């Protein structure tokens, strides 16, 4: 007969079954892996223009870019290469914007690569 102390406790198993998937979901959400992977495989680039700085919103950079003669205005708290450092950008500066052709609302100011987990960069 097995020792009751050596068997896993049901409460610990239940917690493990809840914590592990929650950790995965939060990680995927935090790093936006799905949009990043789509940008890598289907993304296109255009040049946008910094139209404002928003110091009250984590020092966001407001960028306007146009796709198919439709203007898009987005506030970005992260700006990646090949753009200059976010702290040096001023109103009127050009920035490279990566976006999805069919969904320009999915975009990054600069390359999406720095945001992706290193292990997924090769996919």
PDB file of N, CA and C in Angstrom:
ATOM      1  N   UNK A   1       0.843  -1.172   0.000  1.00  0.00           N
ATOM      2  CA  UNK A   1       0.000   0.000   0.000  1.00  0.00           C
ATOM      3  C   UNK A   1       0.893   1.242   0.000  1.00  0.00           C
ATOM      4  N   UNK A   2       0.525   2.246  -0.764  1.00  0.00           N
ATOM      5  CA  UNK A   2       1.369   3.431  -0.854  1.00  0.00           C
ATOM      6  C   UNK A   2       1.148   4.357   0.330  1.00  0.00           C
ATOM      7  N   UNK A   3       2.172   5.073   0.620  1.00  0.00           N
ATOM      8  CA  UNK A   3       2.140   6.008   1.731  1.00  0.00           C
ATOM      9  C   UNK A   3       1.308   7.230   1.334  1.00  0.00           C
ATOM     10  N   UNK A   4       0.293   7.620   2.121  1.00  0.00           N
ATOM     11  CA  UNK A   4      -0.547   8.769   1.750  1.00  0.00           C
ATOM     12  C   UNK A   4       0.249  10.060   1.621  1.00  0.00           C
ATOM     13  N   UNK A   5       1.355  10.178   2.349  1.00  0.00           N
ATOM     14  CA  UNK A   5       2.159  11.390   2.275  1.00  0.00           C
ATOM     15  C   UNK A   5       2.928  11.498   0.965  1.00  0.00           C
ATOM     16  N   UNK A   6       3.172  10.362   0.294  1.00  0.00           N
ATOM     17  CA  UNK A   6       3.949  10.385  -0.939  1.00  0.00           C
ATOM     18  C   UNK A   6       3.088  10.679  -2.163  1.00  0.00           C
ATOM     19  N   UNK A   7       1.763  10.587  -2.017  1.00  0.00           N
ATOM     20  CA  UNK A   7       0.878  10.891  -3.142  1.00  0.00           C
ATOM     21  C   UNK A   7       0.688  12.400  -3.277  1.00  0.00           C
ATOM     22  N   UNK A   8       0.555  12.896  -4.498  1.00  0.00           N
ATOM     23  CA  UNK A   8       0.319  14.330  -4.679  1.00  0.00           C
ATOM     24  C   UNK A   8      -1.013  14.724  -4.060  1.00  0.00           C
ATOM     25  N   UNK A   9      -1.019  15.865  -3.476  1.00  0.00           N
ATOM     26  CA  UNK A   9      -2.246  16.355  -2.869  1.00  0.00           C
ATOM     27  C   UNK A   9      -3.134  16.953  -3.956  1.00  0.00           C
ATOM     28  N   UNK A  10      -4.438  16.681  -3.886  1.00  0.00           N
ATOM     29  CA  UNK A  10      -5.358  17.205  -4.921  1.00  0.00           C
ATOM     30  C   UNK A  10      -5.331  18.721  -5.044  1.00  0.00           C
ATOM     31  N   UNK A  11      -5.212  19.416  -3.938  1.00  0.00           N
ATOM     32  CA  UNK A  11      -5.195  20.883  -3.998  1.00  0.00           C
ATOM     33  C   UNK A  11      -3.960  21.382  -4.745  1.00  0.00           C
ATOM     34  N   UNK A  12      -2.812  20.774  -4.484  1.00  0.00           N
ATOM     35  CA  UNK A  12      -1.591  21.182  -5.187  1.00  0.00           C
ATOM     36  C   UNK A  12      -1.697  20.902  -6.682  1.00  0.00           C
ATOM     37  N   UNK A  13      -2.275  19.767  -7.031  1.00  0.00           N
ATOM     38  CA  UNK A  13      -2.460  19.459  -8.449  1.00  0.00           C
ATOM     39  C   UNK A  13      -3.406  20.454  -9.107  1.00  0.00           C
ATOM     40  N   UNK A  14      -4.476  20.803  -8.427  1.00  0.00           N
ATOM     41  CA  UNK A  14      -5.428  21.771  -8.979  1.00  0.00           C
ATOM     42  C   UNK A  14      -4.774  23.125  -9.178  1.00  0.00           C
ATOM     43  N   UNK A  15      -3.983  23.550  -8.210  1.00  0.00           N
ATOM     44  CA  UNK A  15      -3.291  24.837  -8.336  1.00  0.00           C
ATOM     45  C   UNK A  15      -2.314  24.798  -9.508  1.00  0.00           C
ATOM     46  N   UNK A  16      -1.574  23.702  -9.630  1.00  0.00           N
ATOM     47  CA  UNK A  16      -0.626  23.584 -10.747  1.00  0.00           C
ATOM     48  C   UNK A  16      -1.352  23.633 -12.088  1.00  0.00           C
ATOM     49  N   UNK A  17      -2.501  22.974 -12.188  1.00  0.00           N
ATOM     50  CA  UNK A  17      -3.260  22.960 -13.438  1.00  0.00           C
ATOM     51  C   UNK A  17      -3.822  24.332 -13.771  1.00  0.00           C
ATOM     52  N   UNK A  18      -4.033  25.168 -12.783  1.00  0.00           N
ATOM     53  CA  UNK A  18      -4.535  26.518 -13.036  1.00  0.00           C
ATOM     54  C   UNK A  18      -3.403  27.517 -13.280  1.00  0.00           C
ATOM     55  N   UNK A  19      -2.340  27.405 -12.522  1.00  0.00           N
ATOM     56  CA  UNK A  19      -1.241  28.373 -12.616  1.00  0.00           C
ATOM     57  C   UNK A  19      -0.468  28.215 -13.924  1.00  0.00           C
ATOM     58  N   UNK A  20      -0.165  27.006 -14.330  1.00  0.00           N
ATOM     59  CA  UNK A  20       0.630  26.797 -15.542  1.00  0.00           C
ATOM     60  C   UNK A  20      -0.049  27.404 -16.778  1.00  0.00           C
ATOM     61  N   UNK A  21      -1.316  27.089 -17.090  1.00  0.00           N
ATOM     62  CA  UNK A  21      -1.944  27.709 -18.265  1.00  0.00           C
ATOM     63  C   UNK A  21      -2.083  29.223 -18.128  1.00  0.00           C
ATOM     64  N   UNK A  22      -2.355  29.697 -16.923  1.00  0.00           N
ATOM     65  CA  UNK A  22      -2.479  31.150 -16.728  1.00  0.00           C
ATOM     66  C   UNK A  22      -1.157  31.842 -17.017  1.00  0.00           C
ATOM     67  N   UNK A  23      -0.063  31.226 -16.630  1.00  0.00           N
ATOM     68  CA  UNK A  23       1.264  31.794 -16.900  1.00  0.00           C
ATOM     69  C   UNK A  23       1.527  31.866 -18.400  1.00  0.00           C
ATOM     70  N   UNK A  24       1.170  30.824 -19.117  1.00  0.00           N
ATOM     71  CA  UNK A  24       1.350  30.810 -20.569  1.00  0.00           C
ATOM     72  C   UNK A  24       0.504  31.899 -21.215  1.00  0.00           C
ATOM     73  N   UNK A  25      -0.752  32.003 -20.833  1.00  0.00           N
ATOM     74  CA  UNK A  25      -1.653  33.002 -21.418  1.00  0.00           C
ATOM     75  C   UNK A  25      -1.148  34.409 -21.135  1.00  0.00           C
ATOM     76  N   UNK A  26      -0.719  34.663 -19.914  1.00  0.00           N
ATOM     77  CA  UNK A  26      -0.210  35.999 -19.591  1.00  0.00           C
ATOM     78  C   UNK A  26       1.061  36.304 -20.364  1.00  0.00           C
ATOM     79  N   UNK A  27       1.922  35.304 -20.532  1.00  0.00           N
ATOM     80  CA  UNK A  27       3.150  35.521 -21.297  1.00  0.00           C
ATOM     81  C   UNK A  27       2.863  35.851 -22.744  1.00  0.00           C
ATOM     82  N   UNK A  28       1.937  35.124 -23.353  1.00  0.00           N
ATOM     83  CA  UNK A  28       1.577  35.388 -24.748  1.00  0.00           C
ATOM     84  C   UNK A  28       0.957  36.775 -24.869  1.00  0.00           C
ATOM     85  N   UNK A  29       0.091  37.123 -23.944  1.00  0.00           N
ATOM     86  CA  UNK A  29      -0.538  38.443 -23.983  1.00  0.00           C
ATOM     87  C   UNK A  29       0.445  39.572 -23.757  1.00  0.00           C
ATOM     88  N   UNK A  30       1.361  39.371 -22.826  1.00  0.00           N
ATOM     89  CA  UNK A  30       2.332  40.407 -22.495  1.00  0.00           C
ATOM     90  C   UNK A  30       3.244  40.738 -23.667  1.00  0.00           C
ATOM     91  N   UNK A  31       3.665  39.742 -24.384  1.00  0.00           N
ATOM     92  CA  UNK A  31       4.624  39.961 -25.458  1.00  0.00           C
ATOM     93  C   UNK A  31       3.989  40.016 -26.838  1.00  0.00           C
ATOM     94  N   UNK A  32       2.669  39.940 -26.910  1.00  0.00           N
ATOM     95  CA  UNK A  32       1.971  40.028 -28.190  1.00  0.00           C
ATOM     96  C   UNK A  32       2.572  39.098 -29.237  1.00  0.00           C
ATOM     97  N   UNK A  33       2.763  37.859 -28.883  1.00  0.00           N
ATOM     98  CA  UNK A  33       3.453  36.937 -29.780  1.00  0.00           C
ATOM     99  C   UNK A  33       2.707  36.683 -31.080  1.00  0.00           C
ATOM    100  N   UNK A  34       1.393  36.567 -31.018  1.00  0.00           N
ATOM    101  CA  UNK A  34       0.634  36.274 -32.234  1.00  0.00           C
ATOM    102  C   UNK A  34       0.765  37.428 -33.243  1.00  0.00           C
ATOM    103  N   UNK A  35       0.499  38.687 -32.838  1.00  0.00           N
ATOM    104  CA  UNK A  35       0.704  39.775 -33.813  1.00  0.00           C
ATOM    105  C   UNK A  35       2.153  39.879 -34.285  1.00  0.00           C
ATOM    106  N   UNK A  36       3.109  39.639 -33.382  1.00  0.00           N
ATOM    107  CA  UNK A  36       4.510  39.721 -33.790  1.00  0.00           C
ATOM    108  C   UNK A  36       4.845  38.674 -34.843  1.00  0.00           C
ATOM    109  N   UNK A  37       4.348  37.457 -34.658  1.00  0.00           N
ATOM    110  CA  UNK A  37       4.599  36.414 -35.650  1.00  0.00           C
ATOM    111  C   UNK A  37       3.928  36.751 -36.976  1.00  0.00           C
ATOM    112  N   UNK A  38       2.720  37.312 -36.915  1.00  0.00           N
ATOM    113  CA  UNK A  38       2.046  37.714 -38.156  1.00  0.00           C
ATOM    114  C   UNK A  38       2.800  38.848 -38.837  1.00  0.00           C
ATOM    115  N   UNK A  39       3.295  39.818 -38.074  1.00  0.00           N
ATOM    116  CA  UNK A  39       4.072  40.907 -38.669  1.00  0.00           C
ATOM    117  C   UNK A  39       5.335  40.371 -39.333  1.00  0.00           C
ATOM    118  N   UNK A  40       5.946  39.370 -38.721  1.00  0.00           N
ATOM    119  CA  UNK A  40       7.175  38.818 -39.303  1.00  0.00           C
ATOM    120  C   UNK A  40       6.882  38.142 -40.636  1.00  0.00           C
ATOM    121  N   UNK A  41       5.761  37.416 -40.723  1.00  0.00           N
ATOM    122  CA  UNK A  41       5.485  36.665 -41.945  1.00  0.00           C
ATOM    123  C   UNK A  41       4.702  37.461 -42.980  1.00  0.00           C
ATOM    124  N   UNK A  42       3.839  38.383 -42.546  1.00  0.00           N
ATOM    125  CA  UNK A  42       2.954  39.089 -43.477  1.00  0.00           C
ATOM    126  C   UNK A  42       3.131  40.604 -43.475  1.00  0.00           C
ATOM    127  N   UNK A  43       4.063  41.103 -42.677  1.00  0.00           N
ATOM    128  CA  UNK A  43       4.173  42.545 -42.468  1.00  0.00           C
ATOM    129  C   UNK A  43       4.729  43.321 -43.640  1.00  0.00           C
ATOM    130  N   UNK A  44       4.399  44.589 -43.649  1.00  0.00           N
ATOM    131  CA  UNK A  44       4.907  45.527 -44.640  1.00  0.00           C
ATOM    132  C   UNK A  44       5.383  46.768 -43.883  1.00  0.00           C
ATOM    133  N   UNK A  45       6.090  47.659 -44.566  1.00  0.00           N
ATOM    134  CA  UNK A  45       6.581  48.865 -43.902  1.00  0.00           C
ATOM    135  C   UNK A  45       6.121  50.111 -44.635  1.00  0.00           C
ATOM    136  N   UNK A  46       6.062  51.178 -43.890  1.00  0.00           N
ATOM    137  CA  UNK A  46       5.800  52.495 -44.442  1.00  0.00           C
ATOM    138  C   UNK A  46       6.483  53.506 -43.536  1.00  0.00           C
ATOM    139  N   UNK A  47       6.496  54.743 -43.963  1.00  0.00           N
ATOM    140  CA  UNK A  47       7.064  55.802 -43.135  1.00  0.00           C
ATOM    141  C   UNK A  47       5.941  56.606 -42.519  1.00  0.00           C
ATOM    142  N   UNK A  48       6.020  56.777 -41.227  1.00  0.00           N
ATOM    143  CA  UNK A  48       5.070  57.610 -40.515  1.00  0.00           C
ATOM    144  C   UNK A  48       5.757  58.858 -40.008  1.00  0.00           C
ATOM    145  N   UNK A  49       4.983  59.731 -39.399  1.00  0.00           N
ATOM    146  CA  UNK A  49       5.507  60.990 -38.872  1.00  0.00           C
ATOM    147  C   UNK A  49       5.066  61.151 -37.425  1.00  0.00           C
ATOM    148  N   UNK A  50       5.991  61.540 -36.565  1.00  0.00           N
ATOM    149  CA  UNK A  50       5.642  61.835 -35.179  1.00  0.00           C
ATOM    150  C   UNK A  50       4.822  63.122 -35.184  1.00  0.00           C
ATOM    151  N   UNK A  51       3.608  63.057 -34.637  1.00  0.00           N
ATOM    152  CA  UNK A  51       2.736  64.230 -34.622  1.00  0.00           C
ATOM    153  C   UNK A  51       2.542  64.789 -33.214  1.00  0.00           C
ATOM    154  N   UNK A  52       2.934  64.034 -32.190  1.00  0.00           N
ATOM    155  CA  UNK A  52       2.813  64.522 -30.821  1.00  0.00           C
ATOM    156  C   UNK A  52       3.614  63.632 -29.886  1.00  0.00           C
ATOM    157  N   UNK A  53       3.893  64.163 -28.708  1.00  0.00           N
ATOM    158  CA  UNK A  53       4.477  63.392 -27.600  1.00  0.00           C
ATOM    159  C   UNK A  53       3.480  63.457 -26.460  1.00  0.00           C
ATOM    160  N   UNK A  54       3.294  62.367 -25.773  1.00  0.00           N
ATOM    161  CA  UNK A  54       2.339  62.293 -24.667  1.00  0.00           C
ATOM    162  C   UNK A  54       3.062  61.888 -23.388  1.00  0.00           C
ATOM    163  N   UNK A  55       3.667  62.846 -22.687  1.00  0.00           N
ATOM    164  CA  UNK A  55       4.412  62.498 -21.479  1.00  0.00           C
ATOM    165  C   UNK A  55       3.534  61.869 -20.393  1.00  0.00           C
ATOM    166  N   UNK A  56       2.250  62.207 -20.367  1.00  0.00           N
ATOM    167  CA  UNK A  56       1.362  61.658 -19.339  1.00  0.00           C
ATOM    168  C   UNK A  56       0.999  60.203 -19.609  1.00  0.00           C
ATOM    169  N   UNK A  57       1.236  59.706 -20.829  1.00  0.00           N
ATOM    170  CA  UNK A  57       0.905  58.318 -21.182  1.00  0.00           C
ATOM    171  C   UNK A  57       2.216  57.566 -21.415  1.00  0.00           C
ATOM    172  N   UNK A  58       3.006  57.412 -20.363  1.00  0.00           N
ATOM    173  CA  UNK A  58       4.285  56.694 -20.438  1.00  0.00           C
ATOM    174  C   UNK A  58       5.185  57.244 -21.532  1.00  0.00           C
ATOM    175  N   UNK A  59       5.143  58.549 -21.724  1.00  0.00           N
ATOM    176  CA  UNK A  59       5.961  59.229 -22.736  1.00  0.00           C
ATOM    177  C   UNK A  59       5.739  58.633 -24.132  1.00  0.00           C
ATOM    178  N   UNK A  60       4.473  58.405 -24.458  1.00  0.00           N
ATOM    179  CA  UNK A  60       4.126  57.817 -25.760  1.00  0.00           C
ATOM    180  C   UNK A  60       4.467  58.767 -26.901  1.00  0.00           C
ATOM    181  N   UNK A  61       4.761  58.161 -28.040  1.00  0.00           N
ATOM    182  CA  UNK A  61       4.996  58.891 -29.277  1.00  0.00           C
ATOM    183  C   UNK A  61       3.767  58.668 -30.151  1.00  0.00           C
ATOM    184  N   UNK A  62       3.127  59.740 -30.580  1.00  0.00           N
ATOM    185  CA  UNK A  62       1.948  59.627 -31.440  1.00  0.00           C
ATOM    186  C   UNK A  62       2.427  59.712 -32.883  1.00  0.00           C
ATOM    187  N   UNK A  63       2.098  58.677 -33.653  1.00  0.00           N
ATOM    188  CA  UNK A  63       2.578  58.556 -35.030  1.00  0.00           C
ATOM    189  C   UNK A  63       1.389  58.507 -35.982  1.00  0.00           C
ATOM    190  N   UNK A  64       1.505  59.260 -37.080  1.00  0.00           N
ATOM    191  CA  UNK A  64       0.509  59.187 -38.153  1.00  0.00           C
ATOM    192  C   UNK A  64       1.173  58.519 -39.341  1.00  0.00           C
ATOM    193  N   UNK A  65       0.473  57.515 -39.892  1.00  0.00           N
ATOM    194  CA  UNK A  65       0.949  56.873 -41.116  1.00  0.00           C
ATOM    195  C   UNK A  65      -0.246  56.603 -42.003  1.00  0.00           C
ATOM    196  N   UNK A  66       0.019  56.438 -43.282  1.00  0.00           N
ATOM    197  CA  UNK A  66      -1.044  56.261 -44.262  1.00  0.00           C
ATOM    198  C   UNK A  66      -0.867  54.937 -44.998  1.00  0.00           C
ATOM    199  N   UNK A  67      -1.986  54.202 -45.131  1.00  0.00           N
ATOM    200  CA  UNK A  67      -2.004  52.959 -45.892  1.00  0.00           C
ATOM    201  C   UNK A  67      -3.213  53.039 -46.818  1.00  0.00           C
ATOM    202  N   UNK A  68      -2.976  52.908 -48.121  1.00  0.00           N
ATOM    203  CA  UNK A  68      -4.049  52.992 -49.127  1.00  0.00           C
ATOM    204  C   UNK A  68      -4.878  54.262 -48.977  1.00  0.00           C
ATOM    205  N   UNK A  69      -4.191  55.366 -48.809  1.00  0.00           N
ATOM    206  CA  UNK A  69      -4.814  56.692 -48.677  1.00  0.00           C
ATOM    207  C   UNK A  69      -5.712  56.826 -47.457  1.00  0.00           C
ATOM    208  N   UNK A  70      -5.525  55.974 -46.456  1.00  0.00           N
ATOM    209  CA  UNK A  70      -6.258  56.089 -45.198  1.00  0.00           C
ATOM    210  C   UNK A  70      -5.241  56.383 -44.098  1.00  0.00           C
ATOM    211  N   UNK A  71      -5.449  57.499 -43.388  1.00  0.00           N
ATOM    212  CA  UNK A  71      -4.543  57.871 -42.306  1.00  0.00           C
ATOM    213  C   UNK A  71      -4.845  57.067 -41.048  1.00  0.00           C
ATOM    214  N   UNK A  72      -3.782  56.672 -40.364  1.00  0.00           N
ATOM    215  CA  UNK A  72      -3.890  55.973 -39.089  1.00  0.00           C
ATOM    216  C   UNK A  72      -3.084  56.751 -38.068  1.00  0.00           C
ATOM    217  N   UNK A  73      -3.630  56.903 -36.877  1.00  0.00           N
ATOM    218  CA  UNK A  73      -2.985  57.637 -35.799  1.00  0.00           C
ATOM    219  C   UNK A  73      -2.851  56.688 -34.618  1.00  0.00           C
ATOM    220  N   UNK A  74      -1.630  56.446 -34.164  1.00  0.00           N
ATOM    221  CA  UNK A  74      -1.411  55.520 -33.056  1.00  0.00           C
ATOM    222  C   UNK A  74      -0.434  56.124 -32.055  1.00  0.00           C
ATOM    223  N   UNK A  75      -0.648  55.813 -30.792  1.00  0.00           N
ATOM    224  CA  UNK A  75       0.279  56.214 -29.731  1.00  0.00           C
ATOM    225  C   UNK A  75       1.088  54.996 -29.340  1.00  0.00           C
ATOM    226  N   UNK A  76       2.392  55.098 -29.404  1.00  0.00           N
ATOM    227  CA  UNK A  76       3.274  53.970 -29.099  1.00  0.00           C
ATOM    228  C   UNK A  76       4.167  54.317 -27.913  1.00  0.00           C
ATOM    229  N   UNK A  77       4.197  53.420 -26.924  1.00  0.00           N
ATOM    230  CA  UNK A  77       5.091  53.629 -25.792  1.00  0.00           C
ATOM    231  C   UNK A  77       6.460  53.016 -26.039  1.00  0.00           C
ATOM    232  N   UNK A  78       6.558  52.150 -27.063  1.00  0.00           N
ATOM    233  CA  UNK A  78       7.840  51.539 -27.424  1.00  0.00           C
ATOM    234  C   UNK A  78       8.135  51.837 -28.883  1.00  0.00           C
ATOM    235  N   UNK A  79       9.359  52.244 -29.131  1.00  0.00           N
ATOM    236  CA  UNK A  79       9.818  52.515 -30.490  1.00  0.00           C
ATOM    237  C   UNK A  79      11.105  51.731 -30.684  1.00  0.00           C
ATOM    238  N   UNK A  80      11.156  50.934 -31.754  1.00  0.00           N
ATOM    239  CA  UNK A  80      12.305  50.055 -31.980  1.00  0.00           C
ATOM    240  C   UNK A  80      13.109  50.500 -33.201  1.00  0.00           C
ATOM    241  N   UNK A  81      14.255  49.871 -33.374  1.00  0.00           N
ATOM    242  CA  UNK A  81      15.100  50.145 -34.541  1.00  0.00           C
ATOM    243  C   UNK A  81      14.353  49.742 -35.805  1.00  0.00           C
ATOM    244  N   UNK A  82      14.586  50.362 -36.885  1.00  0.00           N
ATOM    245  CA  UNK A  82      15.686  51.256 -37.227  1.00  0.00           C
ATOM    246  C   UNK A  82      15.453  52.707 -36.825  1.00  0.00           C
ATOM    247  N   UNK A  83      14.421  52.959 -36.044  1.00  0.00           N
ATOM    248  CA  UNK A  83      14.134  54.325 -35.602  1.00  0.00           C
ATOM    249  C   UNK A  83      15.121  54.751 -34.519  1.00  0.00           C
ATOM    250  N   UNK A  84      15.285  56.068 -34.363  1.00  0.00           N
ATOM    251  CA  UNK A  84      16.132  56.562 -33.267  1.00  0.00           C
ATOM    252  C   UNK A  84      15.505  56.213 -31.915  1.00  0.00           C
ATOM    253  N   UNK A  85      16.249  56.408 -30.856  1.00  0.00           N
ATOM    254  CA  UNK A  85      15.725  56.203 -29.506  1.00  0.00           C
ATOM    255  C   UNK A  85      14.482  57.074 -29.323  1.00  0.00           C
ATOM    256  N   UNK A  86      13.503  56.535 -28.599  1.00  0.00           N
ATOM    257  CA  UNK A  86      12.247  57.255 -28.396  1.00  0.00           C
ATOM    258  C   UNK A  86      12.489  58.622 -27.750  1.00  0.00           C
ATOM    259  N   UNK A  87      13.429  58.688 -26.825  1.00  0.00           N
ATOM    260  CA  UNK A  87      13.673  59.947 -26.107  1.00  0.00           C
ATOM    261  C   UNK A  87      14.165  61.058 -27.028  1.00  0.00           C
ATOM    262  N   UNK A  88      14.728  60.709 -28.201  1.00  0.00           N
ATOM    263  CA  UNK A  88      15.253  61.731 -29.103  1.00  0.00           C
ATOM    264  C   UNK A  88      14.252  62.144 -30.183  1.00  0.00           C
ATOM    265  N   UNK A  89      13.132  61.432 -30.286  1.00  0.00           N
ATOM    266  CA  UNK A  89      12.151  61.758 -31.332  1.00  0.00           C
ATOM    267  C   UNK A  89      11.399  63.037 -30.994  1.00  0.00           C
ATOM    268  N   UNK A  90      11.181  63.849 -32.010  1.00  0.00           N
ATOM    269  CA  UNK A  90      10.440  65.105 -31.851  1.00  0.00           C
ATOM    270  C   UNK A  90       9.323  65.154 -32.885  1.00  0.00           C
ATOM    271  N   UNK A  91       8.380  66.032 -32.654  1.00  0.00           N
ATOM    272  CA  UNK A  91       7.281  66.213 -33.604  1.00  0.00           C
ATOM    273  C   UNK A  91       7.862  66.548 -34.973  1.00  0.00           C
ATOM    274  N   UNK A  92       7.375  65.840 -36.004  1.00  0.00           N
ATOM    275  CA  UNK A  92       7.850  66.048 -37.369  1.00  0.00           C
ATOM    276  C   UNK A  92       8.885  65.025 -37.815  1.00  0.00           C
ATOM    277  N   UNK A  93       9.453  64.277 -36.869  1.00  0.00           N
ATOM    278  CA  UNK A  93      10.457  63.271 -37.238  1.00  0.00           C
ATOM    279  C   UNK A  93       9.804  62.088 -37.950  1.00  0.00           C
ATOM    280  N   UNK A  94      10.461  61.542 -38.964  1.00  0.00           N
ATOM    281  CA  UNK A  94       9.939  60.338 -39.626  1.00  0.00           C
ATOM    282  C   UNK A  94      10.279  59.092 -38.814  1.00  0.00           C
ATOM    283  N   UNK A  95       9.383  58.111 -38.852  1.00  0.00           N
ATOM    284  CA  UNK A  95       9.632  56.824 -38.203  1.00  0.00           C
ATOM    285  C   UNK A  95       9.171  55.707 -39.130  1.00  0.00           C
ATOM    286  N   UNK A  96       9.833  54.565 -39.059  1.00  0.00           N
ATOM    287  CA  UNK A  96       9.442  53.392 -39.828  1.00  0.00           C
ATOM    288  C   UNK A  96       8.349  52.672 -39.045  1.00  0.00           C
ATOM    289  N   UNK A  97       7.263  52.327 -39.737  1.00  0.00           N
ATOM    290  CA  UNK A  97       6.146  51.620 -39.120  1.00  0.00           C
ATOM    291  C   UNK A  97       5.978  50.285 -39.844  1.00  0.00           C
ATOM    292  N   UNK A  98       5.958  49.198 -39.089  1.00  0.00           N
ATOM    293  CA  UNK A  98       5.651  47.871 -39.618  1.00  0.00           C
ATOM    294  C   UNK A  98       4.173  47.620 -39.355  1.00  0.00           C
ATOM    295  N   UNK A  99       3.441  47.131 -40.359  1.00  0.00           N
ATOM    296  CA  UNK A  99       2.001  46.922 -40.200  1.00  0.00           C
ATOM    297  C   UNK A  99       1.559  45.731 -41.047  1.00  0.00           C
ATOM    298  N   UNK A 100       0.345  45.245 -40.761  1.00  0.00           N
ATOM    299  CA  UNK A 100      -0.253  44.180 -41.570  1.00  0.00           C
ATOM    300  C   UNK A 100      -1.067  44.813 -42.682  1.00  0.00           C
ATOM    301  N   UNK A 101      -0.872  44.348 -43.910  1.00  0.00           N
ATOM    302  CA  UNK A 101      -1.583  44.925 -45.054  1.00  0.00           C
ATOM    303  C   UNK A 101      -3.096  44.895 -44.876  1.00  0.00           C
ATOM    304  N   UNK A 102      -3.634  43.783 -44.427  1.00  0.00           N
ATOM    305  CA  UNK A 102      -5.082  43.658 -44.275  1.00  0.00           C
ATOM    306  C   UNK A 102      -5.616  44.244 -42.995  1.00  0.00           C
ATOM    307  N   UNK A 103      -4.729  44.608 -42.073  1.00  0.00           N
ATOM    308  CA  UNK A 103      -5.150  45.148 -40.774  1.00  0.00           C
ATOM    309  C   UNK A 103      -4.115  46.141 -40.270  1.00  0.00           C
ATOM    310  N   UNK A 104      -4.095  47.351 -40.843  1.00  0.00           N
ATOM    311  CA  UNK A 104      -3.069  48.326 -40.459  1.00  0.00           C
ATOM    312  C   UNK A 104      -3.100  48.713 -38.982  1.00  0.00           C
ATOM    313  N   UNK A 105      -4.186  48.387 -38.282  1.00  0.00           N
ATOM    314  CA  UNK A 105      -4.225  48.673 -36.850  1.00  0.00           C
ATOM    315  C   UNK A 105      -3.238  47.785 -36.088  1.00  0.00           C
ATOM    316  N   UNK A 106      -2.788  46.691 -36.701  1.00  0.00           N
ATOM    317  CA  UNK A 106      -1.746  45.852 -36.103  1.00  0.00           C
ATOM    318  C   UNK A 106      -0.425  46.353 -36.641  1.00  0.00           C
ATOM    319  N   UNK A 107       0.308  47.064 -35.786  1.00  0.00           N
ATOM    320  CA  UNK A 107       1.535  47.700 -36.235  1.00  0.00           C
ATOM    321  C   UNK A 107       2.488  47.905 -35.075  1.00  0.00           C
ATOM    322  N   UNK A 108       3.745  48.221 -35.420  1.00  0.00           N
ATOM    323  CA  UNK A 108       4.781  48.597 -34.467  1.00  0.00           C
ATOM    324  C   UNK A 108       5.550  49.759 -35.069  1.00  0.00           C
ATOM    325  N   UNK A 109       5.960  50.654 -34.207  1.00  0.00           N
ATOM    326  CA  UNK A 109       6.851  51.720 -34.649  1.00  0.00           C
ATOM    327  C   UNK A 109       8.259  51.151 -34.598  1.00  0.00           C
ATOM    328  N   UNK A 110       8.725  50.673 -35.714  1.00  0.00           N
ATOM    329  CA  UNK A 110      10.015  50.017 -35.785  1.00  0.00           C
ATOM    330  C   UNK A 110       9.824  48.517 -35.827  1.00  0.00           C
ATOM    331  N   UNK A 111      10.915  47.818 -35.869  1.00  0.00           N
ATOM    332  CA  UNK A 111      10.877  46.369 -36.013  1.00  0.00           C
ATOM    333  C   UNK A 111      10.197  45.712 -34.828  1.00  0.00           C
ATOM    334  N   UNK A 112       9.431  44.679 -35.098  1.00  0.00           N
ATOM    335  CA  UNK A 112       8.781  43.898 -34.063  1.00  0.00           C
ATOM    336  C   UNK A 112       9.749  42.906 -33.427  1.00  0.00           C
ATOM    337  N   UNK A 113      10.886  42.685 -34.037  1.00  0.00           N
ATOM    338  CA  UNK A 113      11.817  41.647 -33.596  1.00  0.00           C
ATOM    339  C   UNK A 113      12.295  41.802 -32.152  1.00  0.00           C
ATOM    340  N   UNK A 114      12.643  43.000 -31.662  1.00  0.00           N
ATOM    341  CA  UNK A 114      13.162  43.077 -30.295  1.00  0.00           C
ATOM    342  C   UNK A 114      12.149  42.628 -29.251  1.00  0.00           C
ATOM    343  N   UNK A 115      10.872  42.672 -29.569  1.00  0.00           N
ATOM    344  CA  UNK A 115       9.850  42.303 -28.613  1.00  0.00           C
ATOM    345  C   UNK A 115       9.653  40.795 -28.527  1.00  0.00           C
ATOM    346  N   UNK A 116      10.063  40.077 -29.550  1.00  0.00           N
ATOM    347  CA  UNK A 116       9.806  38.642 -29.592  1.00  0.00           C
ATOM    348  C   UNK A 116      10.780  37.881 -28.724  1.00  0.00           C
ATOM    349  N   UNK A 117      10.327  36.765 -28.185  1.00  0.00           N
ATOM    350  CA  UNK A 117      11.208  35.911 -27.401  1.00  0.00           C
ATOM    351  C   UNK A 117      12.321  35.405 -28.302  1.00  0.00           C
ATOM    352  N   UNK A 118      13.542  35.362 -27.805  1.00  0.00           N
ATOM    353  CA  UNK A 118      14.671  34.929 -28.640  1.00  0.00           C
ATOM    354  C   UNK A 118      14.452  33.571 -29.311  1.00  0.00           C
ATOM    355  N   UNK A 119      13.790  32.648 -28.640  1.00  0.00           N
ATOM    356  CA  UNK A 119      13.600  31.326 -29.236  1.00  0.00           C
ATOM    357  C   UNK A 119      12.653  31.352 -30.432  1.00  0.00           C
ATOM    358  N   UNK A 120      11.777  32.363 -30.513  1.00  0.00           N
ATOM    359  CA  UNK A 120      10.814  32.420 -31.598  1.00  0.00           C
ATOM    360  C   UNK A 120      11.312  33.235 -32.786  1.00  0.00           C
ATOM    361  N   UNK A 121      12.461  33.849 -32.684  1.00  0.00           N
ATOM    362  CA  UNK A 121      12.961  34.694 -33.771  1.00  0.00           C
ATOM    363  C   UNK A 121      13.280  33.892 -35.024  1.00  0.00           C
ATOM    364  N   UNK A 122      13.507  32.606 -34.885  1.00  0.00           N
ATOM    365  CA  UNK A 122      13.891  31.792 -36.046  1.00  0.00           C
ATOM    366  C   UNK A 122      12.706  31.186 -36.780  1.00  0.00           C
ATOM    367  N   UNK A 123      11.493  31.354 -36.280  1.00  0.00           N
ATOM    368  CA  UNK A 123      10.324  30.768 -36.934  1.00  0.00           C
ATOM    369  C   UNK A 123       9.956  31.551 -38.165  1.00  0.00           C
TER     370      UNK A 123
END
